[in-house]
Structure formats: C-alpha cells, structure tokens
Amino acid sequence: GVNLLSHDVSGKWTRRRLGAGNQANPKSNRGSSEVKEGMLKGGHKFIATIEPWHGNQVVVYTPPSDPGEGLWERHVLDEQLKWGHAVWCADLDGDGSDELIIGVRDDLSNNPGERQGVRIYKALDEHGMKWARQIVEDGGVAVEDMNVADLDGDGRIDLVAVGRQTHNIRIYWNEGAK
C-alpha cells in the first residue's frame, strides 16, 4: 500500500496509511511500488504508483475532500502494461502541473500502446481526477529505471530511460514550452 511517514519536532516517526494498493490477488504480487509524489496546479498533491508491485496498473491517489476521511481516493489510469518499473512526476510543459512519467519493462502484447517503453500522463483537471495518456516510446527500451532533469540547461525537464533487457539508454530531449 501507500503510507506517509512523518516525524514531529521531538523526532518521533509516525505512519499514516493513504491507500491499500492493489490487493486483488493475495497469492501473488500485491500493494504498490515505484511510489512518487506530484503536484498539480493550485497546490493539489497526488501520489503516483505502479500496482500491484511491478504490476499492470498506473494508479494515482488524490487526497479526500475532507482531510479527516482517512484513505486517499484511488484512480486507475491505465491497465495496458506489463511490469511497470519506473515512476516520475515533473512539470514537462511548464503549465504548473506535474505530468506523470511511467516506464514499462515488458510488452503486454505487440499492439501499439501495449509495448515496453515510456508513457506520459497529463492531468486534465486541477484535482487529478482525469488524465490523458501519451506514448513517448513504444517498444524501443525495456525500462528498468528512469530519471528526469534539465540535462541541457534550457529550463525544460528532459527524460532518461535505462533498459537492462534491451541494453540501452534513451534520452528524450524536451523541446516544448518553457
């Protein structure tokens, strides 16, 4: 699942459960993996995961409207993947909202949009309830891990994907808006 660890001024750590993750198959992979925090316009946070562990779902958790309600709302954005292996959140287009960047290690099928590679999900609203998917790389890199940074100093976040099975590294230069 997804938990928030925090400590008070005395240094005591506490754990707050935000989401259960995918618990559909108790005899197989469960929970959440590759957990990252992102920010949408207006300061609305979200938590992005792959579920279950290295699984087939891209999931976003958003805070409940009443902070005292407990678990965050779980939104499954995509189930057309196999072995999701990397998650990053970054504002790629300079609009003040982080996009969700996902690396997929294995092909679900040979169909377009179901292959290993890199996908970007863009929030269509400021609360993270609706998202649109864009395929950046469809079959060229079996993503084991990724990172994001402004590699060329132009003020835009670029992507780096590493493929252990495909023995390659791909750099995706962001040539969009600052």
N, C-alpha and C. Protein backbone atom coordinates (compact mmCIF):
# COMPACT_ATOMS: atom_id res chain seq x y z
N GLY A 1 0.81 -1.19 0.00
CA GLY A 1 0.00 0.00 0.00
C GLY A 1 0.85 1.26 0.00
N VAL A 2 0.23 2.36 0.30
CA VAL A 2 0.90 3.66 0.33
C VAL A 2 0.75 4.24 1.73
N ASN A 3 1.88 4.59 2.33
CA ASN A 3 1.89 5.16 3.67
C ASN A 3 2.70 6.45 3.68
N LEU A 4 2.29 7.38 4.52
CA LEU A 4 3.02 8.63 4.71
C LEU A 4 3.77 8.53 6.03
N LEU A 5 5.09 8.65 5.97
CA LEU A 5 5.91 8.67 7.18
C LEU A 5 6.27 10.11 7.48
N SER A 6 6.09 10.52 8.72
CA SER A 6 6.45 11.89 9.12
C SER A 6 6.96 11.86 10.55
N HIS A 7 7.67 12.92 10.91
CA HIS A 7 8.16 12.98 12.28
C HIS A 7 7.83 14.35 12.86
N ASP A 8 7.65 14.35 14.19
CA ASP A 8 7.33 15.60 14.87
C ASP A 8 8.62 16.27 15.34
N VAL A 9 8.48 17.38 16.06
CA VAL A 9 9.66 18.14 16.50
C VAL A 9 10.57 17.35 17.43
N SER A 10 10.01 16.36 18.11
CA SER A 10 10.84 15.54 19.01
C SER A 10 11.58 14.45 18.24
N GLY A 11 11.27 14.28 16.96
CA GLY A 11 11.92 13.26 16.15
C GLY A 11 11.18 11.94 16.11
N LYS A 12 10.01 11.87 16.75
CA LYS A 12 9.22 10.63 16.74
C LYS A 12 8.56 10.46 15.37
N TRP A 13 8.72 9.26 14.79
CA TRP A 13 8.14 8.96 13.49
C TRP A 13 6.75 8.35 13.65
N THR A 14 5.85 8.75 12.75
CA THR A 14 4.51 8.17 12.71
C THR A 14 4.21 7.75 11.28
N ARG A 15 3.28 6.82 11.16
CA ARG A 15 2.88 6.31 9.85
C ARG A 15 1.38 6.51 9.67
N ARG A 16 1.00 7.07 8.52
CA ARG A 16 -0.41 7.23 8.19
C ARG A 16 -0.67 6.52 6.87
N ARG A 17 -1.61 5.61 6.87
CA ARG A 17 -1.96 4.86 5.66
C ARG A 17 -2.80 5.75 4.74
N LEU A 18 -2.33 5.91 3.49
CA LEU A 18 -3.04 6.71 2.49
C LEU A 18 -3.83 5.85 1.52
N GLY A 19 -3.33 4.65 1.24
CA GLY A 19 -4.02 3.77 0.30
C GLY A 19 -3.58 2.33 0.50
N ALA A 20 -4.47 1.41 0.16
CA ALA A 20 -4.20 -0.01 0.35
C ALA A 20 -3.40 -0.63 -0.79
N GLY A 21 -3.34 0.05 -1.93
CA GLY A 21 -2.71 -0.57 -3.09
C GLY A 21 -3.62 -1.62 -3.68
N ASN A 22 -3.11 -2.38 -4.62
CA ASN A 22 -3.88 -3.44 -5.27
C ASN A 22 -3.71 -4.71 -4.45
N GLN A 23 -4.80 -5.17 -3.86
CA GLN A 23 -4.79 -6.37 -3.02
C GLN A 23 -5.59 -7.50 -3.66
N ALA A 24 -5.82 -7.44 -4.97
CA ALA A 24 -6.72 -8.36 -5.66
C ALA A 24 -6.30 -9.83 -5.57
N ASN A 25 -5.01 -10.11 -5.55
CA ASN A 25 -4.56 -11.50 -5.55
C ASN A 25 -3.62 -11.75 -4.37
N PRO A 26 -4.14 -12.25 -3.25
CA PRO A 26 -3.31 -12.43 -2.06
C PRO A 26 -2.18 -13.44 -2.23
N LYS A 27 -2.20 -14.27 -3.29
CA LYS A 27 -1.15 -15.26 -3.50
C LYS A 27 -0.13 -14.81 -4.54
N SER A 28 -0.17 -13.53 -4.90
CA SER A 28 0.76 -13.01 -5.90
C SER A 28 1.21 -11.62 -5.47
N ASN A 29 1.77 -10.87 -6.41
CA ASN A 29 2.21 -9.50 -6.10
C ASN A 29 1.02 -8.67 -5.64
N ARG A 30 1.25 -7.87 -4.59
CA ARG A 30 0.20 -7.02 -4.05
C ARG A 30 0.77 -5.67 -3.70
N GLY A 31 -0.12 -4.75 -3.31
CA GLY A 31 0.31 -3.46 -2.80
C GLY A 31 0.65 -2.47 -3.89
N SER A 32 1.72 -1.71 -3.66
CA SER A 32 2.14 -0.63 -4.56
C SER A 32 3.66 -0.66 -4.68
N SER A 33 4.15 -0.14 -5.80
CA SER A 33 5.60 0.03 -5.95
C SER A 33 5.87 1.29 -6.73
N GLU A 34 7.14 1.68 -6.78
CA GLU A 34 7.59 2.85 -7.53
C GLU A 34 6.79 4.10 -7.14
N VAL A 35 6.67 4.39 -5.89
CA VAL A 35 5.81 5.47 -5.37
C VAL A 35 6.51 6.82 -5.49
N LYS A 36 5.80 7.80 -6.06
CA LYS A 36 6.32 9.17 -6.17
C LYS A 36 5.20 10.16 -5.87
N GLU A 37 5.60 11.35 -5.40
CA GLU A 37 4.64 12.43 -5.13
C GLU A 37 4.72 13.46 -6.24
N GLY A 38 3.55 13.96 -6.64
CA GLY A 38 3.48 15.01 -7.64
C GLY A 38 2.60 16.15 -7.17
N MET A 39 2.63 17.25 -7.92
CA MET A 39 1.87 18.45 -7.56
C MET A 39 1.12 18.96 -8.79
N LEU A 40 -0.14 19.29 -8.59
CA LEU A 40 -0.96 19.87 -9.65
C LEU A 40 -1.15 21.36 -9.39
N LYS A 41 -1.69 22.05 -10.37
CA LYS A 41 -1.97 23.48 -10.21
C LYS A 41 -2.77 23.71 -8.94
N GLY A 42 -2.55 24.83 -8.32
CA GLY A 42 -3.29 25.15 -7.11
C GLY A 42 -2.76 24.43 -5.88
N GLY A 43 -1.63 23.74 -5.99
CA GLY A 43 -1.04 23.07 -4.84
C GLY A 43 -1.67 21.75 -4.47
N HIS A 44 -2.44 21.16 -5.37
CA HIS A 44 -3.08 19.87 -5.09
C HIS A 44 -2.06 18.74 -5.30
N LYS A 45 -1.81 17.98 -4.24
CA LYS A 45 -0.85 16.88 -4.30
C LYS A 45 -1.51 15.62 -4.87
N PHE A 46 -0.66 14.75 -5.43
CA PHE A 46 -1.09 13.41 -5.78
C PHE A 46 0.07 12.45 -5.53
N ILE A 47 -0.26 11.20 -5.34
CA ILE A 47 0.73 10.14 -5.19
C ILE A 47 0.55 9.21 -6.39
N ALA A 48 1.63 8.91 -7.09
CA ALA A 48 1.59 8.03 -8.25
C ALA A 48 2.29 6.71 -7.92
N THR A 49 1.71 5.60 -8.38
CA THR A 49 2.28 4.28 -8.12
C THR A 49 2.10 3.37 -9.33
N ILE A 50 2.84 2.28 -9.30
CA ILE A 50 2.57 1.12 -10.14
C ILE A 50 1.98 0.07 -9.21
N GLU A 51 0.90 -0.58 -9.63
CA GLU A 51 0.25 -1.58 -8.77
C GLU A 51 -0.15 -2.79 -9.59
N PRO A 52 -0.22 -3.98 -8.94
CA PRO A 52 0.47 -4.24 -7.70
C PRO A 52 1.98 -4.11 -7.90
N TRP A 53 2.78 -4.59 -7.02
CA TRP A 53 4.23 -4.46 -7.10
C TRP A 53 4.70 -4.84 -8.50
N HIS A 54 5.40 -3.89 -9.19
CA HIS A 54 5.86 -4.07 -10.58
C HIS A 54 4.73 -4.60 -11.47
N GLY A 55 3.55 -4.08 -11.29
CA GLY A 55 2.37 -4.65 -11.91
C GLY A 55 1.91 -4.05 -13.22
N ASN A 56 0.60 -4.12 -13.42
CA ASN A 56 -0.02 -3.75 -14.68
C ASN A 56 -0.92 -2.53 -14.58
N GLN A 57 -0.84 -1.80 -13.49
CA GLN A 57 -1.70 -0.62 -13.32
C GLN A 57 -0.89 0.62 -13.00
N VAL A 58 -1.25 1.72 -13.69
CA VAL A 58 -0.77 3.05 -13.32
C VAL A 58 -1.86 3.65 -12.45
N VAL A 59 -1.51 4.03 -11.23
CA VAL A 59 -2.50 4.49 -10.25
C VAL A 59 -2.09 5.84 -9.69
N VAL A 60 -3.09 6.70 -9.49
CA VAL A 60 -2.89 7.99 -8.82
C VAL A 60 -3.82 8.03 -7.62
N TYR A 61 -3.27 8.48 -6.49
CA TYR A 61 -4.06 8.72 -5.29
C TYR A 61 -4.18 10.22 -5.10
N THR A 62 -5.41 10.68 -4.81
CA THR A 62 -5.65 12.09 -4.54
C THR A 62 -6.26 12.23 -3.15
N PRO A 63 -5.95 13.33 -2.45
CA PRO A 63 -6.47 13.48 -1.09
C PRO A 63 -8.00 13.53 -1.07
N PRO A 64 -8.60 13.01 -0.01
CA PRO A 64 -10.06 13.13 0.12
C PRO A 64 -10.44 14.59 0.33
N SER A 65 -11.67 14.94 -0.02
CA SER A 65 -12.11 16.33 0.15
C SER A 65 -12.08 16.75 1.61
N ASP A 66 -12.34 15.81 2.52
CA ASP A 66 -12.22 16.07 3.95
C ASP A 66 -10.96 15.36 4.45
N PRO A 67 -9.93 16.13 4.86
CA PRO A 67 -8.66 15.51 5.27
C PRO A 67 -8.80 14.47 6.39
N GLY A 68 -9.86 14.53 7.17
CA GLY A 68 -10.06 13.57 8.24
C GLY A 68 -10.69 12.27 7.79
N GLU A 69 -10.98 12.13 6.50
CA GLU A 69 -11.69 10.95 5.99
C GLU A 69 -10.85 9.68 5.93
N GLY A 70 -9.55 9.80 6.04
CA GLY A 70 -8.74 8.59 6.01
C GLY A 70 -8.06 8.35 4.68
N LEU A 71 -8.38 7.23 4.04
CA LEU A 71 -7.69 6.84 2.81
C LEU A 71 -7.91 7.85 1.69
N TRP A 72 -6.87 8.01 0.87
CA TRP A 72 -6.96 8.86 -0.31
C TRP A 72 -7.74 8.12 -1.40
N GLU A 73 -8.28 8.88 -2.34
CA GLU A 73 -9.04 8.29 -3.44
C GLU A 73 -8.08 7.65 -4.44
N ARG A 74 -8.40 6.44 -4.86
CA ARG A 74 -7.56 5.68 -5.79
C ARG A 74 -8.15 5.77 -7.20
N HIS A 75 -7.31 6.15 -8.17
CA HIS A 75 -7.73 6.28 -9.57
C HIS A 75 -6.81 5.43 -10.43
N VAL A 76 -7.33 4.42 -11.09
CA VAL A 76 -6.55 3.60 -12.01
C VAL A 76 -6.56 4.31 -13.36
N LEU A 77 -5.38 4.75 -13.83
CA LEU A 77 -5.28 5.50 -15.08
C LEU A 77 -5.08 4.59 -16.28
N ASP A 78 -4.43 3.45 -16.08
CA ASP A 78 -4.06 2.61 -17.21
C ASP A 78 -3.85 1.19 -16.72
N GLU A 79 -4.31 0.22 -17.50
CA GLU A 79 -4.07 -1.19 -17.21
C GLU A 79 -3.49 -1.91 -18.42
N GLN A 80 -3.02 -1.17 -19.39
CA GLN A 80 -2.47 -1.74 -20.62
C GLN A 80 -0.94 -1.76 -20.56
N LEU A 81 -0.40 -2.41 -19.53
CA LEU A 81 1.04 -2.51 -19.38
C LEU A 81 1.41 -3.78 -18.64
N LYS A 82 2.67 -4.16 -18.78
CA LYS A 82 3.19 -5.33 -18.08
C LYS A 82 4.52 -4.93 -17.46
N TRP A 83 4.66 -5.15 -16.18
CA TRP A 83 5.86 -4.83 -15.43
C TRP A 83 6.20 -3.34 -15.50
N GLY A 84 5.29 -2.53 -14.97
CA GLY A 84 5.62 -1.12 -14.78
C GLY A 84 6.81 -1.03 -13.85
N HIS A 85 7.81 -0.25 -14.23
CA HIS A 85 9.08 -0.30 -13.50
C HIS A 85 9.65 1.05 -13.12
N ALA A 86 9.04 2.14 -13.50
CA ALA A 86 9.60 3.45 -13.15
C ALA A 86 8.48 4.47 -13.11
N VAL A 87 8.54 5.36 -12.13
CA VAL A 87 7.56 6.45 -11.98
C VAL A 87 8.31 7.73 -11.66
N TRP A 88 7.98 8.80 -12.37
CA TRP A 88 8.49 10.13 -12.06
C TRP A 88 7.37 11.13 -12.24
N CYS A 89 7.43 12.21 -11.50
CA CYS A 89 6.49 13.32 -11.63
C CYS A 89 7.31 14.58 -11.88
N ALA A 90 6.97 15.31 -12.95
CA ALA A 90 7.69 16.54 -13.28
C ALA A 90 6.82 17.38 -14.20
N ASP A 91 6.97 18.69 -14.08
CA ASP A 91 6.24 19.63 -14.95
C ASP A 91 6.99 19.73 -16.28
N LEU A 92 6.60 18.93 -17.23
CA LEU A 92 7.30 18.86 -18.51
C LEU A 92 6.93 19.99 -19.46
N ASP A 93 5.73 20.55 -19.32
CA ASP A 93 5.28 21.57 -20.28
C ASP A 93 5.18 22.97 -19.69
N GLY A 94 5.64 23.15 -18.46
CA GLY A 94 5.69 24.48 -17.86
C GLY A 94 4.36 25.09 -17.49
N ASP A 95 3.32 24.25 -17.33
CA ASP A 95 2.00 24.79 -17.02
C ASP A 95 1.68 24.82 -15.53
N GLY A 96 2.64 24.43 -14.69
CA GLY A 96 2.42 24.46 -13.25
C GLY A 96 1.89 23.17 -12.67
N SER A 97 1.62 22.17 -13.50
CA SER A 97 1.17 20.85 -13.04
C SER A 97 2.18 19.80 -13.47
N ASP A 98 2.49 18.90 -12.55
CA ASP A 98 3.38 17.80 -12.90
C ASP A 98 2.68 16.81 -13.81
N GLU A 99 3.41 16.34 -14.81
CA GLU A 99 2.97 15.19 -15.58
C GLU A 99 3.48 13.94 -14.87
N LEU A 100 2.84 12.83 -15.16
CA LEU A 100 3.23 11.54 -14.61
C LEU A 100 3.96 10.78 -15.71
N ILE A 101 5.20 10.37 -15.45
CA ILE A 101 6.03 9.69 -16.44
C ILE A 101 6.22 8.25 -15.97
N ILE A 102 5.87 7.30 -16.84
CA ILE A 102 5.89 5.89 -16.48
C ILE A 102 6.81 5.12 -17.42
N GLY A 103 7.65 4.26 -16.85
CA GLY A 103 8.48 3.35 -17.63
C GLY A 103 7.95 1.94 -17.53
N VAL A 104 7.84 1.26 -18.68
CA VAL A 104 7.30 -0.09 -18.75
C VAL A 104 8.40 -1.03 -19.23
N ARG A 105 8.62 -2.12 -18.50
CA ARG A 105 9.73 -3.02 -18.82
C ARG A 105 9.40 -4.07 -19.87
N ASP A 106 8.21 -4.65 -19.86
CA ASP A 106 7.88 -5.76 -20.76
C ASP A 106 6.70 -5.42 -21.65
N ASP A 107 6.60 -6.11 -22.78
CA ASP A 107 5.46 -5.96 -23.68
C ASP A 107 4.27 -6.72 -23.13
N LEU A 108 3.11 -6.07 -23.07
CA LEU A 108 1.85 -6.76 -22.77
C LEU A 108 1.43 -7.55 -24.01
N SER A 109 1.60 -6.93 -25.18
CA SER A 109 1.34 -7.55 -26.47
C SER A 109 2.17 -6.80 -27.51
N ASN A 110 2.04 -7.17 -28.75
CA ASN A 110 2.72 -6.44 -29.83
C ASN A 110 1.87 -5.30 -30.37
N ASN A 111 0.72 -5.07 -29.77
CA ASN A 111 -0.17 -4.00 -30.21
C ASN A 111 0.40 -2.64 -29.82
N PRO A 112 0.22 -1.63 -30.67
CA PRO A 112 0.65 -0.27 -30.31
C PRO A 112 0.01 0.16 -28.99
N GLY A 113 0.80 0.81 -28.15
CA GLY A 113 0.31 1.27 -26.85
C GLY A 113 0.37 0.23 -25.76
N GLU A 114 0.79 -1.00 -26.09
CA GLU A 114 0.90 -2.07 -25.10
C GLU A 114 2.31 -2.64 -25.03
N ARG A 115 3.27 -1.88 -25.55
CA ARG A 115 4.65 -2.33 -25.61
C ARG A 115 5.47 -1.69 -24.50
N GLN A 116 6.66 -2.23 -24.28
CA GLN A 116 7.59 -1.64 -23.32
C GLN A 116 7.95 -0.24 -23.78
N GLY A 117 8.34 0.62 -22.86
CA GLY A 117 8.75 1.97 -23.24
C GLY A 117 8.35 3.01 -22.21
N VAL A 118 8.10 4.22 -22.71
CA VAL A 118 7.84 5.38 -21.85
C VAL A 118 6.48 5.97 -22.20
N ARG A 119 5.73 6.30 -21.16
CA ARG A 119 4.41 6.92 -21.32
C ARG A 119 4.33 8.15 -20.42
N ILE A 120 3.58 9.13 -20.89
CA ILE A 120 3.33 10.34 -20.10
C ILE A 120 1.83 10.48 -19.92
N TYR A 121 1.43 10.81 -18.70
CA TYR A 121 0.02 11.04 -18.37
C TYR A 121 -0.10 12.49 -17.91
N LYS A 122 -1.05 13.20 -18.50
CA LYS A 122 -1.27 14.62 -18.19
C LYS A 122 -2.62 14.77 -17.52
N ALA A 123 -2.64 15.46 -16.38
CA ALA A 123 -3.90 15.72 -15.69
C ALA A 123 -4.74 16.69 -16.52
N LEU A 124 -6.01 16.37 -16.67
CA LEU A 124 -6.92 17.21 -17.43
C LEU A 124 -7.73 18.15 -16.53
N ASP A 125 -7.52 18.03 -15.22
CA ASP A 125 -8.17 18.92 -14.27
C ASP A 125 -7.21 19.16 -13.10
N GLU A 126 -7.48 20.17 -12.31
CA GLU A 126 -6.53 20.54 -11.25
C GLU A 126 -6.60 19.65 -10.02
N HIS A 127 -7.53 18.70 -9.99
CA HIS A 127 -7.63 17.79 -8.85
C HIS A 127 -7.13 16.38 -9.16
N GLY A 128 -6.70 16.13 -10.40
CA GLY A 128 -6.16 14.83 -10.76
C GLY A 128 -7.18 13.72 -10.90
N MET A 129 -8.41 14.08 -11.27
CA MET A 129 -9.46 13.07 -11.44
C MET A 129 -9.46 12.46 -12.84
N LYS A 130 -9.02 13.22 -13.86
CA LYS A 130 -9.00 12.73 -15.24
C LYS A 130 -7.61 12.98 -15.83
N TRP A 131 -7.13 12.02 -16.59
CA TRP A 131 -5.78 12.07 -17.16
C TRP A 131 -5.81 11.60 -18.61
N ALA A 132 -4.89 12.10 -19.41
CA ALA A 132 -4.72 11.67 -20.80
C ALA A 132 -3.34 11.02 -20.94
N ARG A 133 -3.28 9.94 -21.71
CA ARG A 133 -2.03 9.20 -21.91
C ARG A 133 -1.41 9.55 -23.26
N GLN A 134 -0.09 9.69 -23.26
CA GLN A 134 0.68 9.86 -24.50
C GLN A 134 1.81 8.84 -24.49
N ILE A 135 1.95 8.10 -25.58
CA ILE A 135 3.04 7.15 -25.72
C ILE A 135 4.26 7.89 -26.26
N VAL A 136 5.36 7.86 -25.53
CA VAL A 136 6.60 8.52 -25.95
C VAL A 136 7.49 7.52 -26.67
N GLU A 137 7.60 6.32 -26.13
CA GLU A 137 8.44 5.26 -26.71
C GLU A 137 7.63 3.98 -26.66
N ASP A 138 7.41 3.36 -27.81
CA ASP A 138 6.57 2.17 -27.90
C ASP A 138 7.40 1.00 -28.42
N GLY A 139 8.18 0.38 -27.53
CA GLY A 139 8.90 -0.83 -27.90
C GLY A 139 10.41 -0.70 -27.98
N GLY A 140 10.97 0.47 -27.82
CA GLY A 140 12.41 0.64 -28.03
C GLY A 140 13.29 0.49 -26.82
N VAL A 141 12.70 0.52 -25.63
CA VAL A 141 13.51 0.39 -24.41
C VAL A 141 12.67 -0.32 -23.34
N ALA A 142 13.25 -1.36 -22.75
CA ALA A 142 12.60 -2.09 -21.66
C ALA A 142 12.99 -1.38 -20.37
N VAL A 143 12.18 -0.43 -19.95
CA VAL A 143 12.57 0.50 -18.89
C VAL A 143 12.70 -0.23 -17.55
N GLU A 144 13.90 -0.19 -17.02
CA GLU A 144 14.19 -0.71 -15.68
C GLU A 144 14.13 0.44 -14.67
N ASP A 145 14.59 1.62 -15.10
CA ASP A 145 14.52 2.80 -14.26
C ASP A 145 14.60 4.04 -15.14
N MET A 146 14.25 5.17 -14.56
CA MET A 146 14.27 6.45 -15.27
C MET A 146 14.70 7.53 -14.32
N ASN A 147 15.02 8.69 -14.92
CA ASN A 147 15.27 9.89 -14.14
C ASN A 147 14.86 11.08 -14.98
N VAL A 148 14.63 12.19 -14.32
CA VAL A 148 14.26 13.43 -15.01
C VAL A 148 15.17 14.54 -14.50
N ALA A 149 15.59 15.41 -15.42
CA ALA A 149 16.44 16.55 -15.07
C ALA A 149 16.56 17.43 -16.30
N ASP A 150 16.94 18.68 -16.08
CA ASP A 150 17.24 19.58 -17.20
C ASP A 150 18.67 19.29 -17.63
N LEU A 151 18.83 18.40 -18.58
CA LEU A 151 20.16 17.92 -18.97
C LEU A 151 20.95 18.93 -19.80
N ASP A 152 20.26 19.77 -20.56
CA ASP A 152 20.97 20.70 -21.46
C ASP A 152 20.88 22.16 -21.02
N GLY A 153 20.35 22.42 -19.82
CA GLY A 153 20.33 23.76 -19.27
C GLY A 153 19.39 24.74 -19.95
N ASP A 154 18.37 24.23 -20.64
CA ASP A 154 17.44 25.13 -21.35
C ASP A 154 16.19 25.46 -20.54
N GLY A 155 16.13 25.00 -19.28
CA GLY A 155 14.99 25.28 -18.42
C GLY A 155 13.84 24.30 -18.56
N ARG A 156 14.00 23.26 -19.38
CA ARG A 156 12.96 22.25 -19.57
C ARG A 156 13.46 20.90 -19.05
N ILE A 157 12.56 20.15 -18.46
CA ILE A 157 12.90 18.85 -17.89
C ILE A 157 12.99 17.81 -19.01
N ASP A 158 14.12 17.12 -19.07
CA ASP A 158 14.35 16.05 -20.04
C ASP A 158 14.20 14.70 -19.32
N LEU A 159 14.07 13.63 -20.09
CA LEU A 159 13.88 12.29 -19.53
C LEU A 159 15.04 11.39 -19.93
N VAL A 160 15.41 10.49 -19.02
CA VAL A 160 16.40 9.45 -19.31
C VAL A 160 15.79 8.12 -18.90
N ALA A 161 15.75 7.16 -19.82
CA ALA A 161 15.23 5.82 -19.54
C ALA A 161 16.35 4.81 -19.77
N VAL A 162 16.47 3.85 -18.85
CA VAL A 162 17.51 2.83 -18.92
C VAL A 162 16.85 1.47 -19.10
N GLY A 163 17.30 0.74 -20.12
CA GLY A 163 16.76 -0.59 -20.41
C GLY A 163 17.79 -1.67 -20.16
N ARG A 164 17.61 -2.42 -19.09
CA ARG A 164 18.56 -3.51 -18.78
C ARG A 164 18.41 -4.64 -19.78
N GLN A 165 17.17 -5.07 -20.06
CA GLN A 165 16.95 -6.16 -21.01
C GLN A 165 17.32 -5.77 -22.43
N THR A 166 17.08 -4.52 -22.79
CA THR A 166 17.38 -4.05 -24.15
C THR A 166 18.78 -3.48 -24.27
N HIS A 167 19.50 -3.41 -23.17
CA HIS A 167 20.90 -2.94 -23.15
C HIS A 167 21.05 -1.56 -23.77
N ASN A 168 20.17 -0.64 -23.38
CA ASN A 168 20.28 0.71 -23.95
C ASN A 168 19.84 1.77 -22.96
N ILE A 169 20.21 2.98 -23.29
CA ILE A 169 19.78 4.18 -22.56
C ILE A 169 19.19 5.12 -23.58
N ARG A 170 18.03 5.67 -23.26
CA ARG A 170 17.40 6.63 -24.16
C ARG A 170 17.27 7.96 -23.44
N ILE A 171 17.66 9.02 -24.14
CA ILE A 171 17.45 10.38 -23.64
C ILE A 171 16.37 11.01 -24.49
N TYR A 172 15.37 11.58 -23.84
CA TYR A 172 14.27 12.26 -24.53
C TYR A 172 14.42 13.74 -24.23
N TRP A 173 14.85 14.50 -25.22
CA TRP A 173 15.07 15.94 -25.07
C TRP A 173 13.73 16.65 -25.15
N ASN A 174 13.44 17.43 -24.14
CA ASN A 174 12.19 18.20 -24.09
C ASN A 174 12.39 19.48 -24.89
N GLU A 175 11.76 19.56 -26.03
CA GLU A 175 11.88 20.74 -26.88
C GLU A 175 10.61 21.58 -26.87
N GLY A 176 9.74 21.32 -25.88
CA GLY A 176 8.47 22.03 -25.77
C GLY A 176 8.62 23.38 -25.09
N ALA A 177 7.50 23.88 -24.59
CA ALA A 177 7.46 25.20 -23.95
C ALA A 177 8.23 25.20 -22.65
N LYS A 178 8.78 26.37 -22.30
CA LYS A 178 9.47 26.53 -21.01
C LYS A 178 8.47 26.86 -19.94
